[in-house]
Amino acid sequence: MIGMMLYISMALMVLAVVSNRYWHRQLLKTRDDVAKLRVRVENMQKDVASVASAYATLAHDTADTERRATRAEQEAAAALQELEAKKQAGTDRYYIFDRLEPRPGRFWEAAVRHVPDAVIDRSAPVSWSTPRRYILIADTEKEARRRVAARMPRSQGFDLIHVVPCRIGNLQVSRVSELSTFRKPGSGGDDEGGGRRAAGAQRA
């Protein structure tokens, strides 16, 4: 009887040791799994934060692109309206009066028309039905009128309607140094020839 109880006690002790080792290994394995799961969760949190940041950046860029697209559409619509208005208003055509040489002074706009019935000197075949606007450079309005009258005299049917400061934008006063080697106004040769050069005026 005593031997059987010792045998049972020994068996229970061995079973307890084996069970203890088994559950200890299970506990260690569970801890490892929990640690790995914690690492995976932390990595997922980092990935989620990165995706959220990328989404926020993309959303901001998308909103900015939409604003730019809306502004571009508005500007395009305004440009089309302006283009249609300019088409309906017609084209303003200007002619260059001066030679391609720098000259001091300001820009003027001279409106000139040609009346064939008033031509006295028939040597110039210049003729047009509507007034032309010429851009020229002069210090004063009086000088501008003098230069236009010298190149387009009344004897050849030219009529100077008016001379006003040039209305084209971004045209500023032309400045030439006093020591410049270019021809100065009134040096001769520029206003000679009358209507012979009017036919060769360049369009602006």
C-alpha atoms as a PDB file:
ATOM      1  CA  MET A   1       0.000   0.000   0.000  1.00  0.00           C
ATOM      2  CA  ILE A   2       2.759   2.333   0.982  1.00  0.00           C
ATOM      3  CA  GLY A   3       4.646   1.457  -2.185  1.00  0.00           C
ATOM      4  CA  MET A   4       1.624   2.236  -4.310  1.00  0.00           C
ATOM      5  CA  MET A   5       1.182   5.619  -2.651  1.00  0.00           C
ATOM      6  CA  LEU A   6       4.856   6.402  -3.202  1.00  0.00           C
ATOM      7  CA  TYR A   7       4.442   5.382  -6.802  1.00  0.00           C
ATOM      8  CA  ILE A   8       1.389   7.636  -7.152  1.00  0.00           C
ATOM      9  CA  SER A   9       3.203  10.506  -5.428  1.00  0.00           C
ATOM     10  CA  MET A  10       6.192  10.100  -7.724  1.00  0.00           C
ATOM     11  CA  ALA A  11       3.916  10.004 -10.741  1.00  0.00           C
ATOM     12  CA  LEU A  12       2.102  13.146  -9.613  1.00  0.00           C
ATOM     13  CA  MET A  13       5.395  14.926  -9.009  1.00  0.00           C
ATOM     14  CA  VAL A  14       6.666  13.993 -12.480  1.00  0.00           C
ATOM     15  CA  LEU A  15       3.383  15.072 -13.991  1.00  0.00           C
ATOM     16  CA  ALA A  16       3.575  18.379 -12.129  1.00  0.00           C
ATOM     17  CA  VAL A  17       7.138  18.981 -13.385  1.00  0.00           C
ATOM     18  CA  VAL A  18       6.202  18.098 -16.952  1.00  0.00           C
ATOM     19  CA  SER A  19       3.068  20.234 -16.760  1.00  0.00           C
ATOM     20  CA  ASN A  20       5.033  23.105 -15.274  1.00  0.00           C
ATOM     21  CA  ARG A  21       7.599  22.962 -18.059  1.00  0.00           C
ATOM     22  CA  TYR A  22       4.894  22.713 -20.676  1.00  0.00           C
ATOM     23  CA  TRP A  23       2.975  25.716 -19.436  1.00  0.00           C
ATOM     24  CA  HIS A  24       6.214  27.609 -18.932  1.00  0.00           C
ATOM     25  CA  ARG A  25       7.065  27.038 -22.612  1.00  0.00           C
ATOM     26  CA  GLN A  26       3.547  28.065 -23.578  1.00  0.00           C
ATOM     27  CA  LEU A  27       3.898  31.214 -21.491  1.00  0.00           C
ATOM     28  CA  LEU A  28       7.208  32.073 -23.172  1.00  0.00           C
ATOM     29  CA  LYS A  29       5.706  31.407 -26.578  1.00  0.00           C
ATOM     30  CA  THR A  30       2.721  33.567 -25.746  1.00  0.00           C
ATOM     31  CA  ARG A  31       5.025  36.356 -24.619  1.00  0.00           C
ATOM     32  CA  ASP A  32       6.989  36.084 -27.864  1.00  0.00           C
ATOM     33  CA  ASP A  33       3.757  36.156 -29.865  1.00  0.00           C
ATOM     34  CA  VAL A  34       2.559  39.173 -27.911  1.00  0.00           C
ATOM     35  CA  ALA A  35       5.883  40.958 -28.488  1.00  0.00           C
ATOM     36  CA  LYS A  36       5.754  40.186 -32.200  1.00  0.00           C
ATOM     37  CA  LEU A  37       2.142  41.299 -32.325  1.00  0.00           C
ATOM     38  CA  ARG A  38       3.058  44.526 -30.537  1.00  0.00           C
ATOM     39  CA  VAL A  39       5.816  45.175 -33.089  1.00  0.00           C
ATOM     40  CA  ARG A  40       3.391  44.512 -35.935  1.00  0.00           C
ATOM     41  CA  VAL A  41       0.846  46.862 -34.354  1.00  0.00           C
ATOM     42  CA  GLU A  42       3.486  49.580 -33.968  1.00  0.00           C
ATOM     43  CA  ASN A  43       4.556  49.102 -37.583  1.00  0.00           C
ATOM     44  CA  MET A  44       0.937  49.258 -38.704  1.00  0.00           C
ATOM     45  CA  GLN A  45       0.441  52.439 -36.698  1.00  0.00           C
ATOM     46  CA  LYS A  46       3.471  53.964 -38.416  1.00  0.00           C
ATOM     47  CA  ASP A  47       2.149  52.869 -41.804  1.00  0.00           C
ATOM     48  CA  VAL A  48      -1.284  54.305 -40.986  1.00  0.00           C
ATOM     49  CA  ALA A  49       0.295  57.593 -39.883  1.00  0.00           C
ATOM     50  CA  SER A  50       2.377  57.693 -43.089  1.00  0.00           C
ATOM     51  CA  VAL A  51      -0.685  56.969 -45.210  1.00  0.00           C
ATOM     52  CA  ALA A  52      -2.673  59.606 -43.341  1.00  0.00           C
ATOM     53  CA  SER A  53       0.095  62.172 -43.903  1.00  0.00           C
ATOM     54  CA  ALA A  54       0.293  61.252 -47.584  1.00  0.00           C
ATOM     55  CA  TYR A  55      -3.488  61.503 -47.858  1.00  0.00           C
ATOM     56  CA  ALA A  56      -3.492  64.925 -46.199  1.00  0.00           C
ATOM     57  CA  THR A  57      -0.760  66.123 -48.583  1.00  0.00           C
ATOM     58  CA  LEU A  58      -2.628  64.701 -51.563  1.00  0.00           C
ATOM     59  CA  ALA A  59      -5.876  66.287 -50.400  1.00  0.00           C
ATOM     60  CA  HIS A  60      -4.130  69.659 -50.031  1.00  0.00           C
ATOM     61  CA  ASP A  61      -2.525  69.329 -53.469  1.00  0.00           C
ATOM     62  CA  THR A  62      -5.856  68.300 -54.964  1.00  0.00           C
ATOM     63  CA  ALA A  63      -7.626  71.273 -53.421  1.00  0.00           C
ATOM     64  CA  ASP A  64      -4.859  73.604 -54.608  1.00  0.00           C
ATOM     65  CA  THR A  65      -5.038  72.102 -58.107  1.00  0.00           C
ATOM     66  CA  GLU A  66      -8.802  72.539 -58.143  1.00  0.00           C
ATOM     67  CA  ARG A  67      -8.419  76.182 -57.111  1.00  0.00           C
ATOM     68  CA  ARG A  68      -5.845  76.737 -59.831  1.00  0.00           C
ATOM     69  CA  ALA A  69      -8.020  74.976 -62.373  1.00  0.00           C
ATOM     70  CA  THR A  70     -11.003  77.112 -61.386  1.00  0.00           C
ATOM     71  CA  ARG A  71      -8.906  80.274 -61.591  1.00  0.00           C
ATOM     72  CA  ALA A  72      -7.488  79.150 -64.954  1.00  0.00           C
ATOM     73  CA  GLU A  73     -11.008  78.491 -66.254  1.00  0.00           C
ATOM     74  CA  GLN A  74     -12.117  81.933 -65.109  1.00  0.00           C
ATOM     75  CA  GLU A  75      -9.081  83.577 -66.695  1.00  0.00           C
ATOM     76  CA  ALA A  76      -9.638  81.605 -69.905  1.00  0.00           C
ATOM     77  CA  ALA A  77     -13.297  82.652 -69.988  1.00  0.00           C
ATOM     78  CA  ALA A  78     -12.311  86.285 -69.404  1.00  0.00           C
ATOM     79  CA  ALA A  79      -9.653  86.024 -72.126  1.00  0.00           C
ATOM     80  CA  LEU A  80     -12.193  84.561 -74.549  1.00  0.00           C
ATOM     81  CA  GLN A  81     -14.638  87.348 -73.751  1.00  0.00           C
ATOM     82  CA  GLU A  82     -11.906  89.930 -74.268  1.00  0.00           C
ATOM     83  CA  LEU A  83     -10.920  88.253 -77.538  1.00  0.00           C
ATOM     84  CA  GLU A  84     -14.515  88.268 -78.771  1.00  0.00           C
ATOM     85  CA  ALA A  85     -14.857  91.919 -77.763  1.00  0.00           C
ATOM     86  CA  LYS A  86     -11.674  92.780 -79.641  1.00  0.00           C
ATOM     87  CA  LYS A  87     -12.847  90.821 -82.672  1.00  0.00           C
ATOM     88  CA  GLN A  88     -16.106  92.729 -82.708  1.00  0.00           C
ATOM     89  CA  ALA A  89     -14.316  96.026 -82.122  1.00  0.00           C
ATOM     90  CA  GLY A  90     -12.053  95.495 -85.129  1.00  0.00           C
ATOM     91  CA  THR A  91      -8.284  95.664 -85.493  1.00  0.00           C
ATOM     92  CA  ASP A  92      -6.279  98.800 -84.802  1.00  0.00           C
ATOM     93  CA  ARG A  93      -3.453  99.024 -87.302  1.00  0.00           C
ATOM     94  CA  TYR A  94      -0.438 101.214 -86.739  1.00  0.00           C
ATOM     95  CA  TYR A  95       2.386 102.146 -89.084  1.00  0.00           C
ATOM     96  CA  ILE A  96       5.982 102.849 -88.119  1.00  0.00           C
ATOM     97  CA  PHE A  97       7.053 106.342 -89.152  1.00  0.00           C
ATOM     98  CA  ASP A  98      10.707 106.445 -88.072  1.00  0.00           C
ATOM     99  CA  ARG A  99      13.688 104.617 -89.405  1.00  0.00           C
ATOM    100  CA  LEU A 100      15.116 101.832 -87.284  1.00  0.00           C
ATOM    101  CA  GLU A 101      17.489 104.222 -85.513  1.00  0.00           C
ATOM    102  CA  PRO A 102      17.310 105.435 -81.892  1.00  0.00           C
ATOM    103  CA  ARG A 103      16.146 109.012 -81.407  1.00  0.00           C
ATOM    104  CA  PRO A 104      15.428 110.943 -78.182  1.00  0.00           C
ATOM    105  CA  GLY A 105      11.906 112.085 -77.426  1.00  0.00           C
ATOM    106  CA  ARG A 106       8.533 110.583 -76.700  1.00  0.00           C
ATOM    107  CA  PHE A 107       6.194 108.463 -78.765  1.00  0.00           C
ATOM    108  CA  TRP A 108       3.394 110.191 -80.670  1.00  0.00           C
ATOM    109  CA  GLU A 109       0.465 108.913 -82.656  1.00  0.00           C
ATOM    110  CA  ALA A 110      -0.313 110.813 -85.866  1.00  0.00           C
ATOM    111  CA  ALA A 111      -3.532 110.168 -87.777  1.00  0.00           C
ATOM    112  CA  VAL A 112      -3.094 110.865 -91.492  1.00  0.00           C
ATOM    113  CA  ARG A 113      -5.485 110.431 -94.363  1.00  0.00           C
ATOM    114  CA  HIS A 114      -4.889 110.652 -98.106  1.00  0.00           C
ATOM    115  CA  VAL A 115      -7.314 112.428-100.401  1.00  0.00           C
ATOM    116  CA  PRO A 116      -6.568 111.565-104.036  1.00  0.00           C
ATOM    117  CA  ASP A 117      -8.666 114.500-105.314  1.00  0.00           C
ATOM    118  CA  ALA A 118      -6.366 116.933-103.476  1.00  0.00           C
ATOM    119  CA  VAL A 119      -3.171 115.630-105.061  1.00  0.00           C
ATOM    120  CA  ILE A 120      -1.227 118.323-106.891  1.00  0.00           C
ATOM    121  CA  ASP A 121       1.964 116.362-107.492  1.00  0.00           C
ATOM    122  CA  ARG A 122       0.876 113.265-109.438  1.00  0.00           C
ATOM    123  CA  SER A 123       4.300 111.591-109.191  1.00  0.00           C
ATOM    124  CA  ALA A 124       3.393 109.703-105.975  1.00  0.00           C
ATOM    125  CA  PRO A 125       0.995 106.782-106.475  1.00  0.00           C
ATOM    126  CA  VAL A 126       0.171 106.596-102.754  1.00  0.00           C
ATOM    127  CA  SER A 127      -3.515 106.250-101.948  1.00  0.00           C
ATOM    128  CA  TRP A 128      -5.681 104.780 -99.218  1.00  0.00           C
ATOM    129  CA  SER A 129      -9.312 105.244 -98.390  1.00  0.00           C
ATOM    130  CA  THR A 130      -9.237 105.295 -94.571  1.00  0.00           C
ATOM    131  CA  PRO A 131      -7.022 107.259 -92.144  1.00  0.00           C
ATOM    132  CA  ARG A 132      -3.794 105.664 -91.022  1.00  0.00           C
ATOM    133  CA  ARG A 133      -2.160 105.993 -87.626  1.00  0.00           C
ATOM    134  CA  TYR A 134       1.613 106.419 -87.591  1.00  0.00           C
ATOM    135  CA  ILE A 135       3.890 106.029 -84.559  1.00  0.00           C
ATOM    136  CA  LEU A 136       6.796 108.458 -84.451  1.00  0.00           C
ATOM    137  CA  ILE A 137       9.244 109.893 -81.922  1.00  0.00           C
ATOM    138  CA  ALA A 138       9.573 113.622 -81.285  1.00  0.00           C
ATOM    139  CA  ASP A 139      10.277 115.953 -78.372  1.00  0.00           C
ATOM    140  CA  THR A 140       7.099 118.021 -78.788  1.00  0.00           C
ATOM    141  CA  GLU A 141       3.800 117.892 -80.632  1.00  0.00           C
ATOM    142  CA  LYS A 142       4.945 120.759 -82.831  1.00  0.00           C
ATOM    143  CA  GLU A 143       8.023 118.823 -83.911  1.00  0.00           C
ATOM    144  CA  ALA A 144       5.901 115.739 -84.580  1.00  0.00           C
ATOM    145  CA  ARG A 145       3.558 117.787 -86.789  1.00  0.00           C
ATOM    146  CA  ARG A 146       6.535 119.279 -88.612  1.00  0.00           C
ATOM    147  CA  ARG A 147       8.037 115.878 -89.333  1.00  0.00           C
ATOM    148  CA  VAL A 148       4.734 114.445 -90.566  1.00  0.00           C
ATOM    149  CA  ALA A 149       4.122 117.504 -92.766  1.00  0.00           C
ATOM    150  CA  ALA A 150       7.649 117.235 -94.186  1.00  0.00           C
ATOM    151  CA  ARG A 151       7.239 113.608 -95.150  1.00  0.00           C
ATOM    152  CA  MET A 152       3.562 113.722 -96.141  1.00  0.00           C
ATOM    153  CA  PRO A 153       2.883 117.188 -97.607  1.00  0.00           C
ATOM    154  CA  ARG A 154      -0.536 118.480 -98.542  1.00  0.00           C
ATOM    155  CA  SER A 155       0.653 118.886-102.130  1.00  0.00           C
ATOM    156  CA  GLN A 156       0.531 115.110-102.446  1.00  0.00           C
ATOM    157  CA  GLY A 157      -2.943 114.816-100.963  1.00  0.00           C
ATOM    158  CA  PHE A 158      -1.996 114.049 -97.342  1.00  0.00           C
ATOM    159  CA  ASP A 159      -4.082 115.510 -94.514  1.00  0.00           C
ATOM    160  CA  LEU A 160      -2.848 115.428 -90.924  1.00  0.00           C
ATOM    161  CA  ILE A 161      -5.919 114.875 -88.767  1.00  0.00           C
ATOM    162  CA  HIS A 162      -4.357 115.030 -85.303  1.00  0.00           C
ATOM    163  CA  VAL A 163      -1.242 114.264 -83.261  1.00  0.00           C
ATOM    164  CA  VAL A 164      -1.689 112.823 -79.758  1.00  0.00           C
ATOM    165  CA  PRO A 165       0.564 110.987 -77.273  1.00  0.00           C
ATOM    166  CA  CYS A 166       0.783 107.334 -78.233  1.00  0.00           C
ATOM    167  CA  ARG A 167      -1.938 105.233 -76.623  1.00  0.00           C
ATOM    168  CA  ILE A 168      -0.172 101.894 -77.022  1.00  0.00           C
ATOM    169  CA  GLY A 169       0.936 100.480 -73.694  1.00  0.00           C
ATOM    170  CA  ASN A 170       4.567  99.911 -72.669  1.00  0.00           C
ATOM    171  CA  LEU A 171       5.917 102.546 -75.054  1.00  0.00           C
ATOM    172  CA  GLN A 172       8.118 104.877 -73.034  1.00  0.00           C
ATOM    173  CA  VAL A 173      10.238 107.900 -73.704  1.00  0.00           C
ATOM    174  CA  SER A 174      13.231 107.070 -75.880  1.00  0.00           C
ATOM    175  CA  ARG A 175      16.518 108.388 -74.431  1.00  0.00           C
ATOM    176  CA  VAL A 176      19.734 108.708 -76.409  1.00  0.00           C
ATOM    177  CA  SER A 177      22.972 109.888 -74.803  1.00  0.00           C
ATOM    178  CA  GLU A 178      24.340 113.253 -75.899  1.00  0.00           C
ATOM    179  CA  LEU A 179      27.567 111.493 -76.860  1.00  0.00           C
ATOM    180  CA  SER A 180      25.756 108.893 -78.958  1.00  0.00           C
ATOM    181  CA  THR A 181      27.107 108.404 -82.472  1.00  0.00           C
ATOM    182  CA  PHE A 182      23.591 107.970 -83.837  1.00  0.00           C
ATOM    183  CA  ARG A 183      21.996 110.730 -85.887  1.00  0.00           C
ATOM    184  CA  LYS A 184      20.362 113.482 -83.805  1.00  0.00           C
ATOM    185  CA  PRO A 185      16.940 114.975 -84.651  1.00  0.00           C
ATOM    186  CA  GLY A 186      17.114 117.744 -87.221  1.00  0.00           C
ATOM    187  CA  SER A 187      20.420 116.591 -88.641  1.00  0.00           C
ATOM    188  CA  GLY A 188      18.873 116.398 -92.055  1.00  0.00           C
ATOM    189  CA  GLY A 189      18.019 113.564 -94.371  1.00  0.00           C
ATOM    190  CA  ASP A 190      15.249 112.107 -92.204  1.00  0.00           C
ATOM    191  CA  ASP A 191      12.331 114.303 -93.218  1.00  0.00           C
ATOM    192  CA  GLU A 192      13.300 114.622 -96.841  1.00  0.00           C
ATOM    193  CA  GLY A 193      11.651 112.875 -99.716  1.00  0.00           C
ATOM    194  CA  GLY A 194       8.005 113.603 -98.823  1.00  0.00           C
ATOM    195  CA  GLY A 195       5.561 111.047-100.041  1.00  0.00           C
ATOM    196  CA  ARG A 196       8.168 108.900-101.811  1.00  0.00           C
ATOM    197  CA  ARG A 197       8.728 106.947 -98.557  1.00  0.00           C
ATOM    198  CA  ALA A 198       5.103 106.961 -97.414  1.00  0.00           C
ATOM    199  CA  ALA A 199       4.340 103.952 -99.570  1.00  0.00           C
ATOM    200  CA  GLY A 200       7.158 102.013 -97.912  1.00  0.00           C
ATOM    201  CA  ALA A 201       6.026 102.662 -94.314  1.00  0.00           C
ATOM    202  CA  GLN A 202       6.102  99.536 -92.223  1.00  0.00           C
ATOM    203  CA  ARG A 203       3.071  98.218 -90.396  1.00  0.00           C
ATOM    204  CA  ALA A 204       3.186  98.027 -86.625  1.00  0.00           C
END
